């Protein structure tokens, strides 16, 4: 009985290590191959497909876990940027630098997590199908908000600090500046991913656009 009880924590620890191994491999592979399937992920992790499915019941669940880890890593990077120290403008530049580095490292992973494109409208399409897709889009939007929340909370505090110090414009509410920064980040990422702009040009446009929006002096 005692030996059985001692084995349980060991089995749990083995399972946690195995899950982490699969998640590590998935994150690495999806950053190179956003369309990689469960078999390729299992091979990269050095385990069987059954082991992968034992930890993650679907590819969607595995990708979601990888994105959650990416979000945690992004938050850690923002904490290392010390956004509460120095001038608000300098902290904003550190925020933008950390955010762009995260995008460059994880753009393919985010592509893997993106929902598949929906087919165009068809005459007479069943209304239940329409409602189901609307619900699906609503869930994706909720998920997107959840992913951004740890980042936007830190940005909101920074914006309020800058407004109180007179560094950022008081003419626009903090929540608008935060939402606009997120939207500009998405736009810059789309331009870079599509190849319409180089990554360097998209990053420079992102920084300049945010600084102008905030009424902050341009970076020297």
N, C-alpha and C. Protein backbone atom coordinates (compact mmCIF):
# COMPACT_ATOMS: atom_id res chain seq x y z
N UNK A 1 0.84 -1.20 0.00
CA UNK A 1 0.00 0.00 0.00
C UNK A 1 0.88 1.25 0.00
N UNK A 2 1.91 1.26 0.85
CA UNK A 2 2.80 2.40 0.92
C UNK A 2 3.54 2.56 -0.41
N UNK A 3 4.01 1.43 -0.98
CA UNK A 3 4.73 1.49 -2.25
C UNK A 3 3.83 2.03 -3.35
N UNK A 4 2.55 1.66 -3.34
CA UNK A 4 1.60 2.15 -4.34
C UNK A 4 1.40 3.65 -4.23
N UNK A 5 1.31 4.12 -2.98
CA UNK A 5 1.13 5.56 -2.77
C UNK A 5 2.37 6.33 -3.19
N UNK A 6 3.55 5.74 -3.01
CA UNK A 6 4.78 6.40 -3.42
C UNK A 6 4.89 6.49 -4.93
N UNK A 7 4.32 5.48 -5.64
CA UNK A 7 4.41 5.47 -7.09
C UNK A 7 3.52 6.55 -7.73
N UNK A 8 2.42 6.91 -7.05
CA UNK A 8 1.49 7.87 -7.66
C UNK A 8 2.14 9.22 -7.96
N UNK A 9 2.83 9.84 -6.99
CA UNK A 9 3.49 11.12 -7.32
C UNK A 9 4.52 10.97 -8.42
N UNK A 10 5.20 9.80 -8.44
CA UNK A 10 6.21 9.57 -9.47
C UNK A 10 5.55 9.50 -10.84
N UNK A 11 4.38 8.81 -10.92
CA UNK A 11 3.66 8.71 -12.19
C UNK A 11 3.18 10.09 -12.64
N UNK A 12 2.69 10.88 -11.67
CA UNK A 12 2.24 12.23 -12.02
C UNK A 12 3.39 13.08 -12.55
N UNK A 13 4.54 12.97 -11.90
CA UNK A 13 5.72 13.73 -12.34
C UNK A 13 6.15 13.29 -13.73
N UNK A 14 6.11 11.96 -13.98
CA UNK A 14 6.47 11.44 -15.32
C UNK A 14 5.49 11.98 -16.36
N UNK A 15 4.20 12.01 -16.02
CA UNK A 15 3.19 12.50 -16.95
C UNK A 15 3.39 13.98 -17.24
N UNK A 16 3.72 14.75 -16.22
CA UNK A 16 3.95 16.19 -16.41
C UNK A 16 5.18 16.43 -17.29
N UNK A 17 6.23 15.62 -17.08
CA UNK A 17 7.42 15.77 -17.92
C UNK A 17 7.11 15.41 -19.36
N UNK A 18 6.34 14.34 -19.54
CA UNK A 18 5.97 13.91 -20.89
C UNK A 18 5.13 14.98 -21.59
N UNK A 19 4.19 15.58 -20.86
CA UNK A 19 3.34 16.64 -21.43
C UNK A 19 4.20 17.84 -21.82
N UNK A 20 5.12 18.22 -20.95
CA UNK A 20 6.00 19.35 -21.24
C UNK A 20 6.88 19.06 -22.45
N UNK A 21 7.33 17.82 -22.58
CA UNK A 21 8.15 17.42 -23.72
C UNK A 21 7.37 17.58 -25.02
N UNK A 22 6.12 17.14 -25.02
CA UNK A 22 5.27 17.26 -26.20
C UNK A 22 5.01 18.73 -26.52
N UNK A 23 4.73 19.53 -25.49
CA UNK A 23 4.43 20.95 -25.69
C UNK A 23 5.66 21.69 -26.21
N UNK A 24 6.83 21.38 -25.69
CA UNK A 24 8.07 21.99 -26.17
C UNK A 24 8.27 21.68 -27.66
N UNK A 25 8.10 20.43 -28.01
CA UNK A 25 8.30 20.02 -29.40
C UNK A 25 7.27 20.67 -30.31
N UNK A 26 6.03 20.76 -29.86
CA UNK A 26 4.98 21.38 -30.66
C UNK A 26 5.29 22.85 -30.91
N UNK A 27 5.70 23.56 -29.87
CA UNK A 27 6.00 24.99 -30.02
C UNK A 27 7.15 25.19 -31.00
N UNK A 28 8.20 24.38 -30.88
CA UNK A 28 9.35 24.51 -31.80
C UNK A 28 8.94 24.21 -33.24
N UNK A 29 8.20 23.13 -33.43
CA UNK A 29 7.85 22.70 -34.78
C UNK A 29 6.86 23.66 -35.43
N UNK A 30 5.86 24.09 -34.68
CA UNK A 30 4.84 24.97 -35.25
C UNK A 30 5.41 26.34 -35.61
N UNK A 31 6.48 26.74 -34.94
CA UNK A 31 7.14 27.99 -35.33
C UNK A 31 7.80 27.86 -36.69
N UNK A 32 8.16 26.63 -37.09
CA UNK A 32 8.77 26.41 -38.40
C UNK A 32 7.74 25.95 -39.43
N UNK A 33 6.79 25.12 -38.96
CA UNK A 33 5.78 24.53 -39.86
C UNK A 33 4.40 24.71 -39.23
N UNK A 34 3.73 25.81 -39.50
CA UNK A 34 2.43 26.08 -38.84
C UNK A 34 1.36 25.03 -39.12
N UNK A 35 1.51 24.27 -40.22
CA UNK A 35 0.50 23.28 -40.57
C UNK A 35 0.87 21.87 -40.10
N UNK A 36 1.90 21.75 -39.27
CA UNK A 36 2.33 20.42 -38.80
C UNK A 36 1.20 19.71 -38.07
N UNK A 37 1.06 18.42 -38.33
CA UNK A 37 0.02 17.63 -37.69
C UNK A 37 0.52 16.90 -36.46
N UNK A 38 -0.37 16.13 -35.87
CA UNK A 38 -0.05 15.44 -34.62
C UNK A 38 1.05 14.40 -34.81
N UNK A 39 1.08 13.73 -35.98
CA UNK A 39 2.11 12.72 -36.21
C UNK A 39 3.49 13.37 -36.25
N UNK A 40 3.59 14.52 -36.93
CA UNK A 40 4.88 15.22 -37.02
C UNK A 40 5.30 15.73 -35.65
N UNK A 41 4.34 16.21 -34.86
CA UNK A 41 4.66 16.69 -33.51
C UNK A 41 5.13 15.54 -32.64
N UNK A 42 4.48 14.39 -32.76
CA UNK A 42 4.89 13.22 -31.99
C UNK A 42 6.32 12.82 -32.34
N UNK A 43 6.62 12.84 -33.65
CA UNK A 43 7.98 12.49 -34.09
C UNK A 43 9.00 13.48 -33.53
N UNK A 44 8.66 14.77 -33.57
CA UNK A 44 9.57 15.79 -33.05
C UNK A 44 9.80 15.63 -31.55
N UNK A 45 8.77 15.17 -30.84
CA UNK A 45 8.87 14.98 -29.39
C UNK A 45 9.51 13.66 -29.02
N UNK A 46 9.65 12.77 -30.00
CA UNK A 46 10.23 11.45 -29.72
C UNK A 46 9.28 10.53 -28.98
N UNK A 47 7.96 10.70 -29.22
CA UNK A 47 6.95 9.86 -28.57
C UNK A 47 5.99 9.36 -29.65
N UNK A 48 5.07 8.51 -29.24
CA UNK A 48 4.07 8.02 -30.17
C UNK A 48 2.89 8.99 -30.26
N UNK A 49 2.10 8.84 -31.32
CA UNK A 49 0.90 9.67 -31.45
C UNK A 49 -0.04 9.44 -30.27
N UNK A 50 -0.10 8.18 -29.81
CA UNK A 50 -0.98 7.87 -28.68
C UNK A 50 -0.58 8.68 -27.45
N UNK A 51 0.72 8.86 -27.27
CA UNK A 51 1.19 9.66 -26.12
C UNK A 51 0.75 11.11 -26.27
N UNK A 52 0.86 11.65 -27.48
CA UNK A 52 0.43 13.03 -27.71
C UNK A 52 -1.06 13.17 -27.40
N UNK A 53 -1.86 12.23 -27.91
CA UNK A 53 -3.31 12.30 -27.70
C UNK A 53 -3.69 12.03 -26.23
N UNK A 54 -2.82 11.36 -25.51
CA UNK A 54 -3.09 11.15 -24.09
C UNK A 54 -3.04 12.46 -23.32
N UNK A 55 -2.21 13.38 -23.79
CA UNK A 55 -2.07 14.69 -23.13
C UNK A 55 -2.98 15.74 -23.74
N UNK A 56 -3.20 15.65 -25.06
CA UNK A 56 -4.00 16.65 -25.77
C UNK A 56 -4.97 15.91 -26.69
N UNK A 57 -6.24 16.09 -26.45
CA UNK A 57 -7.25 15.31 -27.17
C UNK A 57 -7.38 15.72 -28.63
N UNK A 58 -6.85 16.89 -29.00
CA UNK A 58 -6.96 17.35 -30.39
C UNK A 58 -5.79 18.27 -30.71
N UNK A 59 -5.55 18.46 -31.99
CA UNK A 59 -4.51 19.39 -32.41
C UNK A 59 -4.86 20.81 -31.96
N UNK A 60 -6.13 21.14 -32.02
CA UNK A 60 -6.57 22.47 -31.59
C UNK A 60 -6.20 22.71 -30.12
N UNK A 61 -6.42 21.70 -29.29
CA UNK A 61 -6.08 21.84 -27.88
C UNK A 61 -4.59 21.98 -27.65
N UNK A 62 -3.80 21.25 -28.43
CA UNK A 62 -2.34 21.34 -28.31
C UNK A 62 -1.84 22.71 -28.76
N UNK A 63 -2.38 23.21 -29.87
CA UNK A 63 -1.97 24.53 -30.35
C UNK A 63 -2.38 25.60 -29.34
N UNK A 64 -3.57 25.45 -28.76
CA UNK A 64 -4.02 26.42 -27.76
C UNK A 64 -3.07 26.43 -26.57
N UNK A 65 -2.63 25.26 -26.13
CA UNK A 65 -1.70 25.19 -25.00
C UNK A 65 -0.36 25.84 -25.37
N UNK A 66 0.08 25.66 -26.62
CA UNK A 66 1.33 26.27 -27.05
C UNK A 66 1.20 27.80 -27.08
N UNK A 67 0.04 28.30 -27.50
CA UNK A 67 -0.18 29.74 -27.53
C UNK A 67 -0.26 30.29 -26.10
N UNK A 68 -0.88 29.53 -25.20
CA UNK A 68 -0.92 29.95 -23.79
C UNK A 68 0.49 30.09 -23.23
N UNK A 69 1.34 29.15 -23.57
CA UNK A 69 2.73 29.24 -23.10
C UNK A 69 3.41 30.46 -23.71
N UNK A 70 3.17 30.70 -25.00
CA UNK A 70 3.73 31.87 -25.65
C UNK A 70 3.30 33.15 -24.95
N UNK A 71 2.02 33.22 -24.56
CA UNK A 71 1.52 34.40 -23.86
C UNK A 71 2.25 34.58 -22.53
N UNK A 72 2.44 33.48 -21.80
CA UNK A 72 3.16 33.55 -20.53
C UNK A 72 4.59 34.04 -20.74
N UNK A 73 5.23 33.58 -21.81
CA UNK A 73 6.59 34.02 -22.09
C UNK A 73 6.61 35.51 -22.45
N UNK A 74 5.58 35.97 -23.17
CA UNK A 74 5.50 37.38 -23.52
C UNK A 74 5.34 38.24 -22.28
N UNK A 75 4.52 37.78 -21.34
CA UNK A 75 4.32 38.51 -20.09
C UNK A 75 5.63 38.57 -19.31
N UNK A 76 6.37 37.47 -19.29
CA UNK A 76 7.67 37.46 -18.62
C UNK A 76 8.61 38.48 -19.25
N UNK A 77 8.59 38.57 -20.58
CA UNK A 77 9.44 39.54 -21.27
C UNK A 77 9.04 40.97 -20.92
N UNK A 78 7.75 41.21 -20.79
CA UNK A 78 7.29 42.55 -20.43
C UNK A 78 7.69 42.89 -19.00
N UNK A 79 7.63 41.90 -18.11
CA UNK A 79 8.06 42.14 -16.74
C UNK A 79 9.55 42.48 -16.70
N UNK A 80 10.32 41.81 -17.55
CA UNK A 80 11.76 42.10 -17.60
C UNK A 80 12.03 43.49 -18.17
N UNK A 81 11.06 44.04 -18.94
CA UNK A 81 11.23 45.37 -19.52
C UNK A 81 11.02 46.48 -18.49
N UNK A 82 10.57 46.12 -17.29
CA UNK A 82 10.43 47.07 -16.18
C UNK A 82 9.62 48.31 -16.60
N UNK A 83 8.38 48.08 -16.97
CA UNK A 83 7.53 49.15 -17.50
C UNK A 83 7.16 50.20 -16.47
N UNK A 84 7.35 49.90 -15.20
CA UNK A 84 7.03 50.87 -14.15
C UNK A 84 8.20 51.80 -13.83
N UNK A 85 9.33 51.60 -14.50
CA UNK A 85 10.52 52.39 -14.18
C UNK A 85 10.85 53.37 -15.30
N UNK A 86 11.50 54.49 -14.92
CA UNK A 86 11.91 55.47 -15.90
C UNK A 86 10.73 56.26 -16.45
N UNK A 87 10.98 57.02 -17.49
CA UNK A 87 9.91 57.81 -18.09
C UNK A 87 8.91 56.88 -18.78
N UNK A 88 7.68 57.34 -18.89
CA UNK A 88 6.65 56.53 -19.54
C UNK A 88 6.97 56.34 -21.02
N UNK A 89 7.55 57.34 -21.66
CA UNK A 89 7.89 57.22 -23.08
C UNK A 89 8.96 56.15 -23.30
N UNK A 90 10.00 56.16 -22.45
CA UNK A 90 11.04 55.14 -22.57
C UNK A 90 10.47 53.76 -22.30
N UNK A 91 9.56 53.66 -21.33
CA UNK A 91 8.93 52.38 -21.02
C UNK A 91 8.05 51.92 -22.18
N UNK A 92 7.38 52.86 -22.84
CA UNK A 92 6.56 52.51 -24.00
C UNK A 92 7.42 51.94 -25.12
N UNK A 93 8.58 52.52 -25.34
CA UNK A 93 9.48 51.99 -26.36
C UNK A 93 9.94 50.58 -26.00
N UNK A 94 10.20 50.33 -24.73
CA UNK A 94 10.59 48.98 -24.31
C UNK A 94 9.42 48.01 -24.52
N UNK A 95 8.21 48.47 -24.24
CA UNK A 95 7.02 47.65 -24.46
C UNK A 95 6.91 47.28 -25.94
N UNK A 96 7.07 48.26 -26.82
CA UNK A 96 6.95 48.00 -28.25
C UNK A 96 8.04 47.06 -28.74
N UNK A 97 9.27 47.24 -28.23
CA UNK A 97 10.37 46.34 -28.61
C UNK A 97 10.08 44.90 -28.20
N UNK A 98 9.63 44.72 -26.95
CA UNK A 98 9.34 43.37 -26.45
C UNK A 98 8.18 42.75 -27.22
N UNK A 99 7.17 43.55 -27.53
CA UNK A 99 6.01 43.04 -28.27
C UNK A 99 6.41 42.60 -29.67
N UNK A 100 7.25 43.39 -30.33
CA UNK A 100 7.65 43.03 -31.70
C UNK A 100 8.55 41.79 -31.71
N UNK A 101 9.44 41.68 -30.74
CA UNK A 101 10.27 40.47 -30.66
C UNK A 101 9.40 39.23 -30.49
N UNK A 102 8.36 39.35 -29.66
CA UNK A 102 7.46 38.22 -29.47
C UNK A 102 6.75 37.86 -30.76
N UNK A 103 6.32 38.87 -31.52
CA UNK A 103 5.67 38.60 -32.80
C UNK A 103 6.63 37.88 -33.75
N UNK A 104 7.86 38.39 -33.86
CA UNK A 104 8.80 37.78 -34.80
C UNK A 104 9.10 36.33 -34.45
N UNK A 105 9.18 36.05 -33.16
CA UNK A 105 9.48 34.69 -32.73
C UNK A 105 8.28 33.75 -32.89
N UNK A 106 7.08 34.30 -32.82
CA UNK A 106 5.89 33.44 -32.71
C UNK A 106 4.88 33.59 -33.83
N UNK A 107 5.19 34.37 -34.86
CA UNK A 107 4.22 34.59 -35.94
C UNK A 107 3.71 33.27 -36.55
N UNK A 108 4.59 32.29 -36.85
CA UNK A 108 4.06 31.04 -37.41
C UNK A 108 3.17 30.28 -36.43
N UNK A 109 3.49 30.37 -35.14
CA UNK A 109 2.66 29.70 -34.13
C UNK A 109 1.28 30.33 -34.09
N UNK A 110 1.22 31.66 -34.17
CA UNK A 110 -0.07 32.34 -34.20
C UNK A 110 -0.84 31.99 -35.47
N UNK A 111 -0.11 31.79 -36.56
CA UNK A 111 -0.76 31.37 -37.81
C UNK A 111 -1.38 29.99 -37.64
N UNK A 112 -0.68 29.11 -36.92
CA UNK A 112 -1.21 27.77 -36.69
C UNK A 112 -2.48 27.82 -35.86
N UNK A 113 -2.59 28.84 -34.97
CA UNK A 113 -3.74 28.95 -34.09
C UNK A 113 -4.92 29.66 -34.74
N UNK A 114 -4.68 30.30 -35.90
CA UNK A 114 -5.74 31.07 -36.54
C UNK A 114 -6.83 30.14 -37.05
N UNK A 115 -8.12 30.52 -36.96
CA UNK A 115 -9.19 29.68 -37.48
C UNK A 115 -9.11 29.59 -38.98
N UNK A 116 -9.53 28.47 -39.57
CA UNK A 116 -9.49 28.35 -41.02
C UNK A 116 -10.44 29.35 -41.67
N UNK A 117 -10.12 29.82 -42.89
CA UNK A 117 -11.01 30.77 -43.56
C UNK A 117 -12.36 30.15 -43.84
N UNK A 118 -13.38 30.96 -43.68
CA UNK A 118 -14.74 30.47 -43.93
C UNK A 118 -15.07 30.63 -45.41
N UNK A 119 -15.86 29.69 -45.98
CA UNK A 119 -16.26 29.83 -47.38
C UNK A 119 -17.17 31.05 -47.55
N UNK A 120 -17.24 31.56 -48.76
CA UNK A 120 -18.08 32.72 -49.04
C UNK A 120 -19.55 32.40 -48.87
N UNK A 121 -20.37 33.44 -48.84
CA UNK A 121 -21.80 33.26 -48.67
C UNK A 121 -22.38 32.52 -49.86
N UNK A 122 -23.37 31.67 -49.58
CA UNK A 122 -24.08 30.95 -50.61
C UNK A 122 -25.56 31.26 -50.46
N UNK A 123 -26.24 31.40 -51.58
CA UNK A 123 -27.67 31.67 -51.53
C UNK A 123 -28.37 30.48 -50.88
N UNK A 124 -29.25 30.81 -49.96
CA UNK A 124 -30.05 29.75 -49.34
C UNK A 124 -29.30 28.94 -48.30
N UNK A 125 -28.15 29.43 -47.83
CA UNK A 125 -27.40 28.66 -46.83
C UNK A 125 -28.23 28.55 -45.56
N UNK A 126 -28.14 27.43 -44.96
CA UNK A 126 -28.96 27.16 -43.78
C UNK A 126 -28.67 28.15 -42.66
N UNK A 127 -29.72 28.74 -42.05
CA UNK A 127 -29.54 29.75 -41.02
C UNK A 127 -28.89 29.19 -39.77
N UNK A 128 -29.14 27.93 -39.46
CA UNK A 128 -28.49 27.32 -38.30
C UNK A 128 -26.98 27.29 -38.50
N UNK A 129 -26.54 27.02 -39.72
CA UNK A 129 -25.12 27.01 -40.01
C UNK A 129 -24.53 28.41 -39.81
N UNK A 130 -25.27 29.43 -40.25
CA UNK A 130 -24.82 30.81 -40.06
C UNK A 130 -24.67 31.13 -38.58
N UNK A 131 -25.69 30.73 -37.79
CA UNK A 131 -25.63 31.03 -36.36
C UNK A 131 -24.47 30.31 -35.70
N UNK A 132 -24.23 29.06 -36.13
CA UNK A 132 -23.11 28.32 -35.56
C UNK A 132 -21.77 28.99 -35.85
N UNK A 133 -21.63 29.52 -37.06
CA UNK A 133 -20.39 30.20 -37.41
C UNK A 133 -20.24 31.50 -36.64
N UNK A 134 -21.35 32.19 -36.45
CA UNK A 134 -21.30 33.42 -35.65
C UNK A 134 -20.85 33.13 -34.23
N UNK A 135 -21.38 32.03 -33.66
CA UNK A 135 -20.94 31.65 -32.32
C UNK A 135 -19.45 31.31 -32.30
N UNK A 136 -19.02 30.61 -33.36
CA UNK A 136 -17.61 30.26 -33.44
C UNK A 136 -16.72 31.49 -33.50
N UNK A 137 -17.14 32.48 -34.30
CA UNK A 137 -16.37 33.73 -34.36
C UNK A 137 -16.36 34.43 -33.01
N UNK A 138 -17.52 34.38 -32.33
CA UNK A 138 -17.60 35.00 -31.00
C UNK A 138 -16.64 34.34 -30.03
N UNK A 139 -16.54 33.02 -30.10
CA UNK A 139 -15.60 32.31 -29.21
C UNK A 139 -14.16 32.69 -29.54
N UNK A 140 -13.84 32.83 -30.84
CA UNK A 140 -12.49 33.22 -31.23
C UNK A 140 -12.17 34.62 -30.73
N UNK A 141 -13.15 35.53 -30.82
CA UNK A 141 -12.92 36.89 -30.33
C UNK A 141 -12.71 36.90 -28.82
N UNK A 142 -13.50 36.09 -28.11
CA UNK A 142 -13.31 35.98 -26.66
C UNK A 142 -11.93 35.44 -26.34
N UNK A 143 -11.52 34.43 -27.10
CA UNK A 143 -10.21 33.83 -26.90
C UNK A 143 -9.10 34.85 -27.16
N UNK A 144 -9.27 35.65 -28.21
CA UNK A 144 -8.28 36.67 -28.55
C UNK A 144 -8.16 37.69 -27.42
N UNK A 145 -9.30 38.08 -26.87
CA UNK A 145 -9.27 39.04 -25.75
C UNK A 145 -8.57 38.45 -24.54
N UNK A 146 -8.84 37.17 -24.26
CA UNK A 146 -8.19 36.52 -23.13
C UNK A 146 -6.67 36.47 -23.31
N UNK A 147 -6.23 36.20 -24.55
CA UNK A 147 -4.80 36.13 -24.82
C UNK A 147 -4.13 37.49 -24.63
N UNK A 148 -4.82 38.55 -25.05
CA UNK A 148 -4.23 39.87 -24.97
C UNK A 148 -4.32 40.48 -23.57
N UNK A 149 -5.23 39.98 -22.74
CA UNK A 149 -5.52 40.65 -21.48
C UNK A 149 -4.29 40.86 -20.59
N UNK A 150 -3.43 39.85 -20.39
CA UNK A 150 -2.27 40.09 -19.52
C UNK A 150 -1.35 41.19 -20.07
N UNK A 151 -1.32 41.34 -21.39
CA UNK A 151 -0.48 42.36 -22.01
C UNK A 151 -1.16 43.72 -21.95
N UNK A 152 -2.46 43.76 -22.28
CA UNK A 152 -3.16 45.04 -22.32
C UNK A 152 -3.30 45.65 -20.92
N UNK A 153 -3.39 44.81 -19.90
CA UNK A 153 -3.46 45.35 -18.54
C UNK A 153 -2.19 46.13 -18.21
N UNK A 154 -1.05 45.59 -18.59
CA UNK A 154 0.22 46.27 -18.32
C UNK A 154 0.35 47.55 -19.16
N UNK A 155 -0.12 47.47 -20.40
CA UNK A 155 -0.07 48.66 -21.25
C UNK A 155 -0.99 49.75 -20.70
N UNK A 156 -2.16 49.36 -20.21
CA UNK A 156 -3.11 50.35 -19.67
C UNK A 156 -2.50 51.09 -18.49
N UNK A 157 -1.80 50.37 -17.61
CA UNK A 157 -1.16 51.04 -16.47
C UNK A 157 -0.09 52.01 -16.95
N UNK A 158 0.64 51.61 -17.99
CA UNK A 158 1.68 52.47 -18.53
C UNK A 158 1.07 53.73 -19.15
N UNK A 159 -0.02 53.56 -19.89
CA UNK A 159 -0.68 54.71 -20.52
C UNK A 159 -1.15 55.69 -19.45
N UNK A 160 -1.79 55.18 -18.42
CA UNK A 160 -2.30 56.05 -17.36
C UNK A 160 -1.15 56.79 -16.67
N UNK A 161 -0.04 56.09 -16.48
CA UNK A 161 1.13 56.74 -15.86
C UNK A 161 1.64 57.86 -16.76
N UNK A 162 1.71 57.61 -18.07
CA UNK A 162 2.19 58.62 -18.99
C UNK A 162 1.26 59.81 -19.10
N UNK A 163 -0.04 59.55 -19.02
CA UNK A 163 -0.98 60.67 -19.07
C UNK A 163 -0.89 61.53 -17.81
N UNK A 164 -0.75 60.87 -16.67
CA UNK A 164 -0.64 61.62 -15.41
C UNK A 164 0.64 62.45 -15.37
N UNK A 165 1.69 61.94 -16.02
CA UNK A 165 2.96 62.66 -16.04
C UNK A 165 3.02 63.72 -17.14
N UNK A 166 1.99 63.79 -17.96
CA UNK A 166 1.98 64.76 -19.05
C UNK A 166 2.78 64.34 -20.26
N UNK A 167 3.19 63.05 -20.33
CA UNK A 167 3.99 62.58 -21.48
C UNK A 167 3.11 62.12 -22.63
N UNK A 168 1.91 61.64 -22.34
CA UNK A 168 1.00 61.15 -23.37
C UNK A 168 -0.22 62.07 -23.45
N UNK A 169 -0.83 62.09 -24.62
CA UNK A 169 -1.97 62.97 -24.83
C UNK A 169 -3.11 62.66 -23.85
N UNK A 170 -3.71 63.71 -23.27
CA UNK A 170 -4.89 63.50 -22.41
C UNK A 170 -6.19 63.57 -23.21
N UNK A 171 -6.07 63.81 -24.52
CA UNK A 171 -7.25 64.02 -25.35
C UNK A 171 -7.96 62.71 -25.72
N UNK A 172 -7.27 61.60 -25.54
CA UNK A 172 -7.85 60.29 -25.88
C UNK A 172 -7.85 59.43 -24.62
N UNK A 173 -8.94 58.67 -24.39
CA UNK A 173 -8.98 57.82 -23.19
C UNK A 173 -7.95 56.70 -23.26
N UNK A 174 -7.51 56.27 -22.10
CA UNK A 174 -6.48 55.23 -22.04
C UNK A 174 -6.90 53.97 -22.76
N UNK A 175 -8.18 53.58 -22.59
CA UNK A 175 -8.61 52.32 -23.20
C UNK A 175 -8.57 52.41 -24.73
N UNK A 176 -8.78 53.61 -25.28
CA UNK A 176 -8.69 53.80 -26.73
C UNK A 176 -7.24 53.67 -27.20
N UNK A 177 -6.33 54.25 -26.46
CA UNK A 177 -4.92 54.15 -26.82
C UNK A 177 -4.44 52.70 -26.77
N UNK A 178 -4.91 51.96 -25.77
CA UNK A 178 -4.53 50.55 -25.66
C UNK A 178 -5.08 49.75 -26.84
N UNK A 179 -6.38 49.92 -27.12
CA UNK A 179 -7.00 49.17 -28.22
C UNK A 179 -6.35 49.54 -29.55
N UNK A 180 -6.04 50.80 -29.75
CA UNK A 180 -5.41 51.24 -31.00
C UNK A 180 -4.00 50.66 -31.14
N UNK A 181 -3.27 50.56 -30.03
CA UNK A 181 -1.93 49.97 -30.07
C UNK A 181 -2.00 48.51 -30.50
N UNK A 182 -2.96 47.78 -29.94
CA UNK A 182 -3.14 46.37 -30.33
C UNK A 182 -3.47 46.27 -31.81
N UNK A 183 -4.38 47.14 -32.29
CA UNK A 183 -4.77 47.11 -33.70
C UNK A 183 -3.59 47.44 -34.61
N UNK A 184 -2.79 48.43 -34.22
CA UNK A 184 -1.61 48.78 -35.01
C UNK A 184 -0.60 47.64 -35.03
N UNK A 185 -0.47 46.95 -33.90
CA UNK A 185 0.42 45.80 -33.86
C UNK A 185 -0.03 44.71 -34.81
N UNK A 186 -1.33 44.45 -34.84
CA UNK A 186 -1.87 43.45 -35.79
C UNK A 186 -1.61 43.89 -37.23
N UNK A 187 -1.84 45.18 -37.51
CA UNK A 187 -1.64 45.68 -38.87
C UNK A 187 -0.18 45.53 -39.29
N UNK A 188 0.75 45.90 -38.40
CA UNK A 188 2.17 45.77 -38.71
C UNK A 188 2.54 44.30 -38.93
N UNK A 189 2.01 43.43 -38.08
CA UNK A 189 2.28 42.01 -38.24
C UNK A 189 1.76 41.47 -39.56
N UNK A 190 0.55 41.89 -39.95
CA UNK A 190 -0.02 41.44 -41.23
C UNK A 190 0.82 41.91 -42.41
N UNK A 191 1.28 43.18 -42.34
CA UNK A 191 2.09 43.70 -43.43
C UNK A 191 3.40 42.93 -43.55
N UNK A 192 4.02 42.61 -42.41
CA UNK A 192 5.28 41.88 -42.44
C UNK A 192 5.07 40.44 -42.91
N UNK A 193 4.02 39.80 -42.42
CA UNK A 193 3.77 38.40 -42.78
C UNK A 193 3.43 38.25 -44.25
N UNK A 194 2.69 39.22 -44.78
CA UNK A 194 2.28 39.15 -46.19
C UNK A 194 3.42 39.47 -47.14
N UNK A 195 4.48 40.10 -46.63
CA UNK A 195 5.59 40.50 -47.48
C UNK A 195 5.42 41.86 -48.11
N UNK A 196 4.32 42.55 -47.77
CA UNK A 196 4.13 43.90 -48.32
C UNK A 196 5.13 44.89 -47.72
N UNK A 197 5.61 44.59 -46.53
CA UNK A 197 6.66 45.39 -45.90
C UNK A 197 7.70 44.44 -45.33
N UNK A 198 8.94 44.89 -45.26
CA UNK A 198 9.94 44.09 -44.56
C UNK A 198 9.62 44.14 -43.06
N UNK A 199 10.17 43.21 -42.33
CA UNK A 199 9.94 43.21 -40.88
C UNK A 199 10.48 44.49 -40.26
N UNK A 200 11.64 44.94 -40.74
CA UNK A 200 12.23 46.16 -40.17
C UNK A 200 11.35 47.37 -40.45
N UNK A 201 10.82 47.47 -41.68
CA UNK A 201 9.98 48.61 -42.02
C UNK A 201 8.66 48.57 -41.26
N UNK A 202 8.10 47.37 -41.10
CA UNK A 202 6.84 47.23 -40.36
C UNK A 202 7.03 47.60 -38.90
N UNK A 203 8.16 47.18 -38.32
CA UNK A 203 8.44 47.52 -36.93
C UNK A 203 8.59 49.04 -36.77
N UNK A 204 9.33 49.66 -37.70
CA UNK A 204 9.53 51.11 -37.63
C UNK A 204 8.20 51.85 -37.77
N UNK A 205 7.34 51.38 -38.68
CA UNK A 205 6.03 52.02 -38.86
C UNK A 205 5.17 51.85 -37.62
N UNK A 206 5.25 50.69 -37.00
CA UNK A 206 4.50 50.41 -35.77
C UNK A 206 4.92 51.37 -34.66
N UNK A 207 6.21 51.49 -34.46
CA UNK A 207 6.73 52.38 -33.40
C UNK A 207 6.32 53.83 -33.65
N UNK A 208 6.54 54.29 -34.88
CA UNK A 208 6.23 55.68 -35.19
C UNK A 208 4.74 55.97 -35.05
N UNK A 209 3.91 55.03 -35.51
CA UNK A 209 2.46 55.22 -35.43
C UNK A 209 1.98 55.31 -33.99
N UNK A 210 2.50 54.43 -33.13
CA UNK A 210 2.09 54.44 -31.73
C UNK A 210 2.57 55.72 -31.05
N UNK A 211 3.80 56.13 -31.29
CA UNK A 211 4.32 57.35 -30.66
C UNK A 211 3.49 58.57 -31.08
N UNK A 212 3.14 58.64 -32.35
CA UNK A 212 2.31 59.77 -32.80
C UNK A 212 0.92 59.71 -32.18
N UNK A 213 0.36 58.52 -32.11
CA UNK A 213 -0.96 58.35 -31.50
C UNK A 213 -0.95 58.82 -30.04
N UNK A 214 0.12 58.49 -29.33
CA UNK A 214 0.22 58.83 -27.92
C UNK A 214 0.64 60.30 -27.71
N UNK A 215 1.05 60.98 -28.79
CA UNK A 215 1.55 62.34 -28.64
C UNK A 215 2.90 62.38 -27.96
N UNK A 216 3.66 61.29 -28.09
CA UNK A 216 4.99 61.21 -27.48
C UNK A 216 6.04 61.62 -28.52
N UNK A 217 7.20 62.11 -28.10
CA UNK A 217 8.24 62.49 -29.06
C UNK A 217 8.76 61.25 -29.77
N UNK A 218 9.15 61.40 -31.04
CA UNK A 218 9.69 60.25 -31.79
C UNK A 218 10.99 59.76 -31.17
N UNK A 219 11.21 58.45 -31.33
CA UNK A 219 12.45 57.86 -30.79
C UNK A 219 13.65 58.41 -31.53
N UNK A 220 14.72 58.69 -30.80
CA UNK A 220 15.91 59.23 -31.43
C UNK A 220 16.76 58.09 -31.99
